[in-house]
């Protein structure tokens, strides 16, 4: 839960303390009757309450990006630059996803799917997927952005391509699959 222990580990610690108290004949309290499902319930409740790092969602994303520099391959904080509004954008890719994209999409395909307004968060979510030899989908990267224009797509797709080429100079893509959004087609 809070310190990295699983629900079972917490319950086992509780049982050990409870047995120690029983052996010295201490008086029992209502907390002694807690069950593993009670700890799991409190864990779920805590996770629902604490997934945001800040009340302002943009600040929450920024905090996450600065705490996970290895996983954020692209980041714009959504501020103003010389009077021009720069949209908030974060690209997320773990080291495993980077290796999957480099190895599986070399002379292969990348698929990009975009969602908006399907969850409470009012940001665009782009999911990049590569396919292995068995045509199983492997997540390659996510991009979360507050603004979806052709220029924005070109910027972070170019950044991602540069990152992939840094890992494999011979990397070459044979096809890029998108849904029917005209902006994405223009960006490619």
N, C-alpha and C. Protein backbone atom coordinates (compact mmCIF):
# COMPACT_ATOMS: atom_id res chain seq x y z
N UNK A 1 0.85 -1.19 0.00
CA UNK A 1 0.00 0.00 0.00
C UNK A 1 0.89 1.24 0.00
N UNK A 2 0.96 1.93 1.10
CA UNK A 2 1.70 3.18 1.14
C UNK A 2 3.20 3.01 1.06
N UNK A 3 3.72 1.94 1.65
CA UNK A 3 5.17 1.75 1.70
C UNK A 3 5.65 0.65 0.75
N UNK A 4 4.82 0.25 -0.16
CA UNK A 4 5.21 -0.76 -1.13
C UNK A 4 4.86 -2.17 -0.73
N UNK A 5 4.23 -2.35 0.41
CA UNK A 5 3.83 -3.69 0.84
C UNK A 5 2.52 -4.07 0.14
N UNK A 6 2.37 -5.36 -0.14
CA UNK A 6 1.11 -5.83 -0.71
C UNK A 6 0.09 -6.00 0.41
N UNK A 7 -1.15 -6.20 0.01
CA UNK A 7 -2.22 -6.41 0.99
C UNK A 7 -1.92 -7.65 1.83
N UNK A 8 -1.45 -8.72 1.21
CA UNK A 8 -1.13 -9.95 1.95
C UNK A 8 0.00 -9.72 2.95
N UNK A 9 1.03 -8.97 2.56
CA UNK A 9 2.14 -8.70 3.47
C UNK A 9 1.66 -7.91 4.69
N UNK A 10 0.80 -6.94 4.46
CA UNK A 10 0.26 -6.14 5.58
C UNK A 10 -0.57 -7.03 6.50
N UNK A 11 -1.40 -7.88 5.89
CA UNK A 11 -2.24 -8.78 6.70
C UNK A 11 -1.38 -9.76 7.49
N UNK A 12 -0.33 -10.30 6.88
CA UNK A 12 0.56 -11.23 7.59
C UNK A 12 1.25 -10.54 8.77
N UNK A 13 1.67 -9.29 8.59
CA UNK A 13 2.28 -8.54 9.70
C UNK A 13 1.26 -8.34 10.82
N UNK A 14 0.03 -8.02 10.42
CA UNK A 14 -1.04 -7.82 11.42
C UNK A 14 -1.27 -9.12 12.20
N UNK A 15 -1.32 -10.26 11.50
CA UNK A 15 -1.53 -11.54 12.18
C UNK A 15 -0.40 -11.85 13.15
N UNK A 16 0.83 -11.55 12.74
CA UNK A 16 1.98 -11.82 13.61
C UNK A 16 1.90 -10.98 14.88
N UNK A 17 1.56 -9.72 14.74
CA UNK A 17 1.41 -8.85 15.91
C UNK A 17 0.25 -9.32 16.77
N UNK A 18 -0.84 -9.74 16.13
CA UNK A 18 -2.02 -10.21 16.85
C UNK A 18 -1.68 -11.45 17.68
N UNK A 19 -0.95 -12.42 17.08
CA UNK A 19 -0.57 -13.63 17.82
C UNK A 19 0.37 -13.29 18.97
N UNK A 20 1.26 -12.34 18.77
CA UNK A 20 2.16 -11.94 19.85
C UNK A 20 1.37 -11.34 21.01
N UNK A 21 0.35 -10.56 20.70
CA UNK A 21 -0.49 -9.96 21.75
C UNK A 21 -1.33 -11.02 22.46
N UNK A 22 -1.79 -12.02 21.72
CA UNK A 22 -2.57 -13.11 22.31
C UNK A 22 -1.70 -13.88 23.31
N UNK A 23 -0.44 -14.13 22.93
CA UNK A 23 0.45 -14.92 23.79
C UNK A 23 0.76 -14.23 25.11
N UNK A 24 0.75 -12.92 25.15
CA UNK A 24 0.99 -12.23 26.42
C UNK A 24 -0.32 -11.83 27.08
N UNK A 25 -1.41 -12.34 26.54
CA UNK A 25 -2.75 -12.15 27.11
C UNK A 25 -3.16 -10.69 27.23
N UNK A 26 -2.84 -9.93 26.18
CA UNK A 26 -3.32 -8.54 26.14
C UNK A 26 -4.79 -8.52 25.79
N UNK A 27 -5.43 -7.44 26.17
CA UNK A 27 -6.84 -7.29 25.88
C UNK A 27 -7.04 -7.03 24.38
N UNK A 28 -8.06 -7.67 23.81
CA UNK A 28 -8.31 -7.52 22.38
C UNK A 28 -9.12 -6.25 22.12
N UNK A 29 -8.88 -5.67 20.96
CA UNK A 29 -9.65 -4.49 20.52
C UNK A 29 -10.36 -4.83 19.21
N UNK A 30 -11.20 -3.93 18.76
CA UNK A 30 -11.93 -4.18 17.51
C UNK A 30 -10.98 -4.25 16.31
N UNK A 31 -9.81 -3.58 16.38
CA UNK A 31 -8.86 -3.62 15.28
C UNK A 31 -8.21 -4.99 15.11
N UNK A 32 -8.30 -5.82 16.14
CA UNK A 32 -7.72 -7.16 16.06
C UNK A 32 -8.53 -8.06 15.12
N UNK A 33 -9.75 -7.69 14.80
CA UNK A 33 -10.62 -8.53 13.99
C UNK A 33 -10.63 -8.13 12.52
N UNK A 34 -9.64 -7.37 12.09
CA UNK A 34 -9.57 -6.93 10.71
C UNK A 34 -9.24 -8.12 9.81
N UNK A 35 -9.84 -8.15 8.64
CA UNK A 35 -9.63 -9.23 7.68
C UNK A 35 -8.83 -8.72 6.49
N UNK A 36 -8.35 -9.64 5.67
CA UNK A 36 -7.57 -9.27 4.50
C UNK A 36 -8.41 -8.45 3.52
N UNK A 37 -9.71 -8.77 3.41
CA UNK A 37 -10.57 -8.01 2.50
C UNK A 37 -10.75 -6.56 2.98
N UNK A 38 -10.69 -6.33 4.30
CA UNK A 38 -10.77 -4.97 4.83
C UNK A 38 -9.54 -4.16 4.42
N UNK A 39 -8.38 -4.79 4.46
CA UNK A 39 -7.14 -4.11 4.05
C UNK A 39 -7.19 -3.83 2.55
N UNK A 40 -7.69 -4.79 1.76
CA UNK A 40 -7.82 -4.59 0.32
C UNK A 40 -8.78 -3.44 0.01
N UNK A 41 -9.87 -3.34 0.76
CA UNK A 41 -10.83 -2.26 0.57
C UNK A 41 -10.16 -0.91 0.86
N UNK A 42 -9.42 -0.81 1.95
CA UNK A 42 -8.73 0.44 2.28
C UNK A 42 -7.68 0.78 1.23
N UNK A 43 -7.01 -0.23 0.68
CA UNK A 43 -6.03 -0.02 -0.37
C UNK A 43 -6.69 0.57 -1.63
N UNK A 44 -7.82 -0.02 -2.04
CA UNK A 44 -8.55 0.49 -3.21
C UNK A 44 -9.02 1.92 -2.98
N UNK A 45 -9.52 2.18 -1.81
CA UNK A 45 -10.01 3.52 -1.47
C UNK A 45 -8.86 4.53 -1.52
N UNK A 46 -7.71 4.15 -1.01
CA UNK A 46 -6.53 5.02 -1.02
C UNK A 46 -6.05 5.28 -2.45
N UNK A 47 -6.04 4.24 -3.29
CA UNK A 47 -5.58 4.40 -4.68
C UNK A 47 -6.51 5.32 -5.46
N UNK A 48 -7.82 5.20 -5.25
CA UNK A 48 -8.77 6.07 -5.94
C UNK A 48 -8.55 7.53 -5.54
N UNK A 49 -8.25 7.73 -4.29
CA UNK A 49 -8.11 9.08 -3.76
C UNK A 49 -6.77 9.71 -4.15
N UNK A 50 -5.73 8.90 -4.37
CA UNK A 50 -4.40 9.47 -4.50
C UNK A 50 -3.76 9.33 -5.87
N UNK A 51 -4.54 9.03 -6.92
CA UNK A 51 -3.90 8.89 -8.23
C UNK A 51 -3.49 10.24 -8.79
N UNK A 52 -4.15 11.30 -8.38
CA UNK A 52 -3.74 12.64 -8.79
C UNK A 52 -2.70 13.16 -7.81
N UNK A 53 -1.65 13.75 -8.36
CA UNK A 53 -0.60 14.29 -7.51
C UNK A 53 -0.91 15.72 -7.09
N UNK A 54 -1.87 16.36 -7.78
CA UNK A 54 -2.26 17.73 -7.48
C UNK A 54 -3.70 17.91 -7.96
N UNK A 55 -4.43 18.84 -7.38
CA UNK A 55 -5.80 19.08 -7.80
C UNK A 55 -5.88 19.53 -9.25
N UNK A 56 -4.92 20.39 -9.68
CA UNK A 56 -4.85 20.83 -11.06
C UNK A 56 -4.22 19.69 -11.87
N UNK A 57 -4.94 19.19 -12.86
CA UNK A 57 -4.47 18.02 -13.60
C UNK A 57 -3.17 18.29 -14.36
N UNK A 58 -3.02 19.48 -14.93
CA UNK A 58 -1.79 19.81 -15.66
C UNK A 58 -0.59 19.79 -14.72
N UNK A 59 -0.74 20.32 -13.51
CA UNK A 59 0.35 20.30 -12.53
C UNK A 59 0.62 18.87 -12.10
N UNK A 60 -0.43 18.06 -12.01
CA UNK A 60 -0.26 16.65 -11.66
C UNK A 60 0.57 15.93 -12.72
N UNK A 61 0.28 16.18 -13.99
CA UNK A 61 1.07 15.58 -15.09
C UNK A 61 2.51 16.07 -15.03
N UNK A 62 2.72 17.36 -14.78
CA UNK A 62 4.08 17.93 -14.69
C UNK A 62 4.86 17.27 -13.57
N UNK A 63 4.23 17.11 -12.42
CA UNK A 63 4.88 16.48 -11.28
C UNK A 63 5.28 15.05 -11.62
N UNK A 64 4.37 14.34 -12.26
CA UNK A 64 4.67 12.96 -12.65
C UNK A 64 5.86 12.93 -13.61
N UNK A 65 5.87 13.83 -14.59
CA UNK A 65 6.95 13.85 -15.59
C UNK A 65 8.30 14.11 -14.94
N UNK A 66 8.36 15.04 -13.99
CA UNK A 66 9.63 15.33 -13.32
C UNK A 66 10.06 14.20 -12.39
N UNK A 67 9.11 13.42 -11.88
CA UNK A 67 9.45 12.28 -11.03
C UNK A 67 9.82 11.03 -11.84
N UNK A 68 9.50 11.02 -13.14
CA UNK A 68 9.74 9.86 -14.00
C UNK A 68 10.44 10.30 -15.28
N UNK A 69 11.59 10.92 -15.15
CA UNK A 69 12.30 11.45 -16.31
C UNK A 69 12.69 10.37 -17.30
N UNK A 70 12.92 9.14 -16.85
CA UNK A 70 13.29 8.06 -17.77
C UNK A 70 12.12 7.63 -18.64
N UNK A 71 10.91 7.83 -18.17
CA UNK A 71 9.72 7.37 -18.90
C UNK A 71 9.05 8.47 -19.73
N UNK A 72 9.37 9.72 -19.50
CA UNK A 72 8.77 10.82 -20.25
C UNK A 72 9.74 11.23 -21.36
N UNK A 73 9.44 10.83 -22.61
CA UNK A 73 10.37 11.13 -23.69
C UNK A 73 10.13 12.49 -24.31
N UNK A 74 8.97 13.08 -24.05
CA UNK A 74 8.66 14.39 -24.63
C UNK A 74 7.78 15.13 -23.62
N UNK A 75 8.08 16.39 -23.40
CA UNK A 75 7.30 17.13 -22.41
C UNK A 75 7.25 18.61 -22.74
N UNK A 76 6.05 19.17 -22.77
CA UNK A 76 5.81 20.61 -22.83
C UNK A 76 4.81 20.91 -21.73
N UNK A 77 5.10 21.93 -20.94
CA UNK A 77 4.27 22.16 -19.76
C UNK A 77 3.01 22.98 -20.00
N UNK A 78 2.75 23.41 -21.22
CA UNK A 78 1.52 24.14 -21.51
C UNK A 78 1.58 25.60 -21.08
N UNK A 79 2.75 26.19 -21.13
CA UNK A 79 2.89 27.59 -20.70
C UNK A 79 2.87 28.51 -21.92
N UNK A 80 3.14 29.78 -21.67
CA UNK A 80 3.22 30.76 -22.75
C UNK A 80 4.67 31.03 -23.07
N UNK A 81 5.00 31.08 -24.35
CA UNK A 81 6.35 31.35 -24.81
C UNK A 81 6.30 32.54 -25.75
N UNK A 82 6.80 33.71 -25.30
CA UNK A 82 6.76 34.96 -26.07
C UNK A 82 5.35 35.31 -26.51
N UNK A 83 4.40 35.13 -25.62
CA UNK A 83 3.01 35.47 -25.91
C UNK A 83 2.27 34.41 -26.69
N UNK A 84 2.92 33.34 -27.07
CA UNK A 84 2.29 32.26 -27.83
C UNK A 84 2.03 31.10 -26.87
N UNK A 85 0.78 30.63 -26.86
CA UNK A 85 0.43 29.51 -25.97
C UNK A 85 0.99 28.21 -26.54
N UNK A 86 1.78 27.52 -25.73
CA UNK A 86 2.34 26.21 -26.09
C UNK A 86 1.45 25.16 -25.43
N UNK A 87 0.88 24.24 -26.20
CA UNK A 87 -0.03 23.26 -25.59
C UNK A 87 0.71 22.29 -24.67
N UNK A 88 -0.01 21.80 -23.68
CA UNK A 88 0.53 20.79 -22.79
C UNK A 88 0.64 19.48 -23.56
N UNK A 89 1.80 18.84 -23.51
CA UNK A 89 2.01 17.55 -24.16
C UNK A 89 3.01 16.74 -23.35
N UNK A 90 2.70 15.48 -23.14
CA UNK A 90 3.66 14.57 -22.51
C UNK A 90 3.66 13.27 -23.30
N UNK A 91 4.85 12.79 -23.62
CA UNK A 91 5.02 11.50 -24.28
C UNK A 91 5.60 10.52 -23.28
N UNK A 92 4.96 9.38 -23.12
CA UNK A 92 5.38 8.41 -22.12
C UNK A 92 5.81 7.13 -22.83
N UNK A 93 7.02 6.68 -22.49
CA UNK A 93 7.54 5.44 -23.06
C UNK A 93 8.55 4.84 -22.09
N UNK A 94 8.26 3.66 -21.61
CA UNK A 94 9.18 2.97 -20.70
C UNK A 94 10.34 2.39 -21.51
N UNK A 95 11.45 2.02 -20.85
CA UNK A 95 12.55 1.39 -21.58
C UNK A 95 12.12 0.11 -22.32
N UNK A 96 11.23 -0.68 -21.72
CA UNK A 96 10.72 -1.88 -22.40
C UNK A 96 9.98 -1.50 -23.68
N UNK A 97 9.14 -0.46 -23.60
CA UNK A 97 8.38 -0.03 -24.77
C UNK A 97 9.31 0.49 -25.87
N UNK A 98 10.36 1.19 -25.47
CA UNK A 98 11.33 1.68 -26.45
C UNK A 98 11.98 0.51 -27.18
N UNK A 99 12.43 -0.50 -26.44
CA UNK A 99 13.04 -1.66 -27.08
C UNK A 99 12.05 -2.41 -27.96
N UNK A 100 10.80 -2.48 -27.53
CA UNK A 100 9.77 -3.13 -28.34
C UNK A 100 9.56 -2.38 -29.64
N UNK A 101 9.50 -1.05 -29.56
CA UNK A 101 9.31 -0.26 -30.78
C UNK A 101 10.50 -0.39 -31.71
N UNK A 102 11.70 -0.35 -31.17
CA UNK A 102 12.90 -0.44 -32.02
C UNK A 102 12.96 -1.80 -32.71
N UNK A 103 12.71 -2.87 -31.95
CA UNK A 103 12.87 -4.20 -32.54
C UNK A 103 11.66 -4.64 -33.37
N UNK A 104 10.45 -4.37 -32.90
CA UNK A 104 9.27 -4.89 -33.59
C UNK A 104 8.81 -4.02 -34.76
N UNK A 105 9.09 -2.73 -34.72
CA UNK A 105 8.61 -1.89 -35.81
C UNK A 105 9.65 -1.69 -36.90
N UNK A 106 10.86 -2.23 -36.72
CA UNK A 106 11.87 -2.13 -37.77
C UNK A 106 11.40 -2.93 -38.97
N UNK A 107 11.19 -2.24 -40.08
CA UNK A 107 10.59 -2.81 -41.30
C UNK A 107 9.22 -3.39 -41.01
N UNK A 108 8.55 -2.87 -40.03
CA UNK A 108 7.23 -3.33 -39.64
C UNK A 108 6.24 -2.18 -39.63
N UNK A 109 5.24 -2.29 -38.75
CA UNK A 109 4.17 -1.31 -38.71
C UNK A 109 4.01 -0.75 -37.30
N UNK A 110 3.58 0.52 -37.27
CA UNK A 110 3.16 1.16 -36.03
C UNK A 110 1.73 1.62 -36.25
N UNK A 111 0.89 1.39 -35.27
CA UNK A 111 -0.49 1.82 -35.33
C UNK A 111 -0.70 2.93 -34.30
N UNK A 112 -1.45 3.95 -34.68
CA UNK A 112 -1.74 5.04 -33.75
C UNK A 112 -3.25 5.20 -33.63
N UNK A 113 -3.71 5.22 -32.41
CA UNK A 113 -5.13 5.41 -32.14
C UNK A 113 -5.28 6.58 -31.20
N UNK A 114 -6.28 7.40 -31.45
CA UNK A 114 -6.50 8.58 -30.60
C UNK A 114 -7.87 8.49 -29.95
N UNK A 115 -7.93 8.95 -28.70
CA UNK A 115 -9.20 9.03 -28.00
C UNK A 115 -9.33 10.42 -27.42
N UNK A 116 -10.55 10.88 -27.30
CA UNK A 116 -10.82 12.15 -26.64
C UNK A 116 -12.22 12.07 -26.06
N UNK A 117 -12.35 12.60 -24.85
CA UNK A 117 -13.64 12.71 -24.20
C UNK A 117 -14.26 11.34 -23.88
N UNK A 118 -13.42 10.32 -23.75
CA UNK A 118 -13.96 9.02 -23.37
C UNK A 118 -13.82 8.77 -21.87
N UNK A 119 -13.05 9.62 -21.19
CA UNK A 119 -12.89 9.53 -19.74
C UNK A 119 -13.09 10.92 -19.16
N UNK A 120 -12.96 11.06 -17.85
CA UNK A 120 -13.18 12.34 -17.19
C UNK A 120 -12.15 13.39 -17.58
N UNK A 121 -10.96 12.97 -17.95
CA UNK A 121 -9.88 13.89 -18.26
C UNK A 121 -10.08 14.44 -19.67
N UNK A 122 -10.01 15.74 -19.81
CA UNK A 122 -10.28 16.37 -21.11
C UNK A 122 -9.00 16.60 -21.90
N UNK A 123 -8.24 15.55 -22.09
CA UNK A 123 -7.02 15.60 -22.88
C UNK A 123 -7.10 14.55 -23.98
N UNK A 124 -6.37 14.77 -25.05
CA UNK A 124 -6.28 13.78 -26.12
C UNK A 124 -5.26 12.73 -25.71
N UNK A 125 -5.58 11.48 -25.92
CA UNK A 125 -4.67 10.38 -25.62
C UNK A 125 -4.37 9.65 -26.93
N UNK A 126 -3.10 9.62 -27.30
CA UNK A 126 -2.66 8.87 -28.48
C UNK A 126 -1.92 7.64 -27.98
N UNK A 127 -2.28 6.49 -28.51
CA UNK A 127 -1.62 5.24 -28.17
C UNK A 127 -0.91 4.72 -29.41
N UNK A 128 0.37 4.47 -29.29
CA UNK A 128 1.15 3.90 -30.39
C UNK A 128 1.37 2.42 -30.10
N UNK A 129 1.06 1.58 -31.07
CA UNK A 129 1.11 0.13 -30.89
C UNK A 129 1.98 -0.47 -31.98
N UNK A 130 2.82 -1.43 -31.60
CA UNK A 130 3.58 -2.22 -32.56
C UNK A 130 3.09 -3.66 -32.48
N UNK A 131 3.43 -4.44 -33.49
CA UNK A 131 2.95 -5.82 -33.55
C UNK A 131 4.14 -6.77 -33.60
N UNK A 132 4.04 -7.87 -32.84
CA UNK A 132 5.12 -8.86 -32.89
C UNK A 132 4.88 -9.85 -34.03
N UNK A 133 5.70 -10.88 -34.11
CA UNK A 133 5.61 -11.85 -35.22
C UNK A 133 4.27 -12.59 -35.23
N UNK A 134 3.62 -12.68 -34.09
CA UNK A 134 2.33 -13.37 -34.00
C UNK A 134 1.15 -12.40 -34.11
N UNK A 135 1.44 -11.18 -34.52
CA UNK A 135 0.45 -10.10 -34.67
C UNK A 135 -0.23 -9.75 -33.34
N UNK A 136 0.51 -9.93 -32.27
CA UNK A 136 0.03 -9.53 -30.96
C UNK A 136 0.41 -8.06 -30.75
N UNK A 137 -0.51 -7.29 -30.19
CA UNK A 137 -0.25 -5.87 -29.97
C UNK A 137 0.68 -5.69 -28.78
N UNK A 138 1.65 -4.79 -28.95
CA UNK A 138 2.54 -4.41 -27.86
C UNK A 138 2.51 -2.89 -27.79
N UNK A 139 2.20 -2.36 -26.61
CA UNK A 139 2.14 -0.91 -26.47
C UNK A 139 3.52 -0.32 -26.67
N UNK A 140 3.61 0.72 -27.51
CA UNK A 140 4.89 1.35 -27.81
C UNK A 140 5.09 2.66 -27.09
N UNK A 141 4.04 3.46 -26.97
CA UNK A 141 4.15 4.76 -26.31
C UNK A 141 2.75 5.35 -26.17
N UNK A 142 2.64 6.33 -25.27
CA UNK A 142 1.43 7.12 -25.13
C UNK A 142 1.80 8.58 -25.23
N UNK A 143 0.92 9.35 -25.81
CA UNK A 143 1.08 10.80 -25.83
C UNK A 143 -0.22 11.39 -25.33
N UNK A 144 -0.11 12.25 -24.33
CA UNK A 144 -1.27 12.95 -23.78
C UNK A 144 -1.07 14.42 -24.08
N UNK A 145 -2.05 15.04 -24.70
CA UNK A 145 -1.90 16.43 -25.10
C UNK A 145 -3.21 17.20 -24.92
N UNK A 146 -3.09 18.49 -24.67
CA UNK A 146 -4.28 19.32 -24.51
C UNK A 146 -4.76 19.88 -25.83
N UNK A 147 -3.97 19.74 -26.87
CA UNK A 147 -4.26 20.39 -28.14
C UNK A 147 -3.85 19.45 -29.26
N UNK A 148 -4.70 19.29 -30.24
CA UNK A 148 -4.39 18.37 -31.32
C UNK A 148 -4.40 19.12 -32.65
N UNK A 149 -3.23 19.51 -33.11
CA UNK A 149 -3.11 20.11 -34.43
C UNK A 149 -2.07 19.34 -35.23
N UNK A 150 -2.06 19.56 -36.50
CA UNK A 150 -1.11 18.88 -37.38
C UNK A 150 0.33 19.19 -36.96
N UNK A 151 0.61 20.46 -36.63
CA UNK A 151 1.97 20.85 -36.23
C UNK A 151 2.40 20.14 -34.95
N UNK A 152 1.49 20.01 -33.99
CA UNK A 152 1.81 19.32 -32.74
C UNK A 152 2.13 17.85 -33.00
N UNK A 153 1.32 17.21 -33.84
CA UNK A 153 1.56 15.80 -34.16
C UNK A 153 2.91 15.62 -34.83
N UNK A 154 3.23 16.49 -35.77
CA UNK A 154 4.51 16.41 -36.47
C UNK A 154 5.65 16.57 -35.49
N UNK A 155 5.51 17.49 -34.54
CA UNK A 155 6.60 17.76 -33.60
C UNK A 155 6.93 16.55 -32.74
N UNK A 156 5.91 15.96 -32.07
CA UNK A 156 6.26 14.85 -31.19
C UNK A 156 6.50 13.55 -31.94
N UNK A 157 5.90 13.37 -33.13
CA UNK A 157 6.23 12.18 -33.93
C UNK A 157 7.67 12.25 -34.43
N UNK A 158 8.12 13.45 -34.81
CA UNK A 158 9.51 13.63 -35.24
C UNK A 158 10.45 13.36 -34.07
N UNK A 159 10.09 13.84 -32.89
CA UNK A 159 10.91 13.61 -31.71
C UNK A 159 11.01 12.11 -31.41
N UNK A 160 9.89 11.40 -31.53
CA UNK A 160 9.89 9.96 -31.28
C UNK A 160 10.74 9.23 -32.33
N UNK A 161 10.62 9.63 -33.58
CA UNK A 161 11.43 9.00 -34.64
C UNK A 161 12.92 9.20 -34.37
N UNK A 162 13.30 10.41 -33.95
CA UNK A 162 14.70 10.69 -33.63
C UNK A 162 15.18 9.80 -32.49
N UNK A 163 14.32 9.61 -31.49
CA UNK A 163 14.67 8.75 -30.36
C UNK A 163 14.87 7.31 -30.81
N UNK A 164 14.01 6.82 -31.69
CA UNK A 164 14.14 5.46 -32.20
C UNK A 164 15.40 5.30 -33.03
N UNK A 165 15.73 6.31 -33.84
CA UNK A 165 16.93 6.25 -34.67
C UNK A 165 18.20 6.30 -33.81
N UNK A 166 18.16 6.98 -32.67
CA UNK A 166 19.31 7.01 -31.77
C UNK A 166 19.62 5.62 -31.22
N UNK A 167 18.58 4.79 -31.07
CA UNK A 167 18.77 3.43 -30.55
C UNK A 167 19.12 2.43 -31.64
N UNK A 168 18.74 2.72 -32.88
CA UNK A 168 19.06 1.83 -34.00
C UNK A 168 19.14 2.70 -35.25
N UNK A 169 20.36 2.96 -35.72
CA UNK A 169 20.56 3.85 -36.86
C UNK A 169 19.94 3.29 -38.15
N UNK A 170 19.76 1.99 -38.23
CA UNK A 170 19.19 1.37 -39.43
C UNK A 170 17.67 1.24 -39.36
N UNK A 171 17.07 1.74 -38.29
CA UNK A 171 15.62 1.59 -38.10
C UNK A 171 14.87 2.26 -39.25
N UNK A 172 13.91 1.53 -39.78
CA UNK A 172 13.10 2.05 -40.87
C UNK A 172 11.69 1.48 -40.72
N UNK A 173 10.70 2.30 -40.91
CA UNK A 173 9.31 1.91 -40.76
C UNK A 173 8.73 1.60 -42.13
N UNK A 174 7.99 0.50 -42.26
CA UNK A 174 7.39 0.18 -43.55
C UNK A 174 5.96 0.69 -43.67
N UNK A 175 5.25 0.83 -42.54
CA UNK A 175 3.89 1.36 -42.63
C UNK A 175 3.44 1.93 -41.29
N UNK A 176 2.60 2.95 -41.37
CA UNK A 176 2.07 3.62 -40.21
C UNK A 176 0.55 3.60 -40.34
N UNK A 177 -0.13 2.97 -39.40
CA UNK A 177 -1.57 2.78 -39.47
C UNK A 177 -2.25 3.79 -38.55
N UNK A 178 -3.22 4.53 -39.09
CA UNK A 178 -3.98 5.49 -38.29
C UNK A 178 -5.47 5.28 -38.54
N UNK A 179 -6.28 5.79 -37.60
CA UNK A 179 -7.71 5.78 -37.89
C UNK A 179 -7.98 6.94 -38.86
N UNK A 180 -9.19 7.27 -39.12
CA UNK A 180 -9.51 8.15 -40.24
C UNK A 180 -9.39 9.65 -39.97
N UNK A 181 -8.69 10.06 -38.95
CA UNK A 181 -8.56 11.48 -38.66
C UNK A 181 -7.67 12.16 -39.71
N UNK A 182 -8.19 13.16 -40.37
CA UNK A 182 -7.48 13.83 -41.44
C UNK A 182 -6.21 14.52 -40.95
N UNK A 183 -6.23 15.08 -39.73
CA UNK A 183 -5.04 15.77 -39.20
C UNK A 183 -3.86 14.81 -39.08
N UNK A 184 -4.12 13.59 -38.64
CA UNK A 184 -3.04 12.62 -38.49
C UNK A 184 -2.44 12.25 -39.83
N UNK A 185 -3.31 12.11 -40.84
CA UNK A 185 -2.81 11.80 -42.18
C UNK A 185 -1.94 12.93 -42.73
N UNK A 186 -2.34 14.17 -42.49
CA UNK A 186 -1.55 15.31 -42.95
C UNK A 186 -0.22 15.38 -42.20
N UNK A 187 -0.22 15.02 -40.92
CA UNK A 187 1.01 15.08 -40.13
C UNK A 187 2.04 14.07 -40.61
N UNK A 188 1.55 12.94 -41.09
CA UNK A 188 2.48 11.90 -41.56
C UNK A 188 3.04 12.28 -42.91
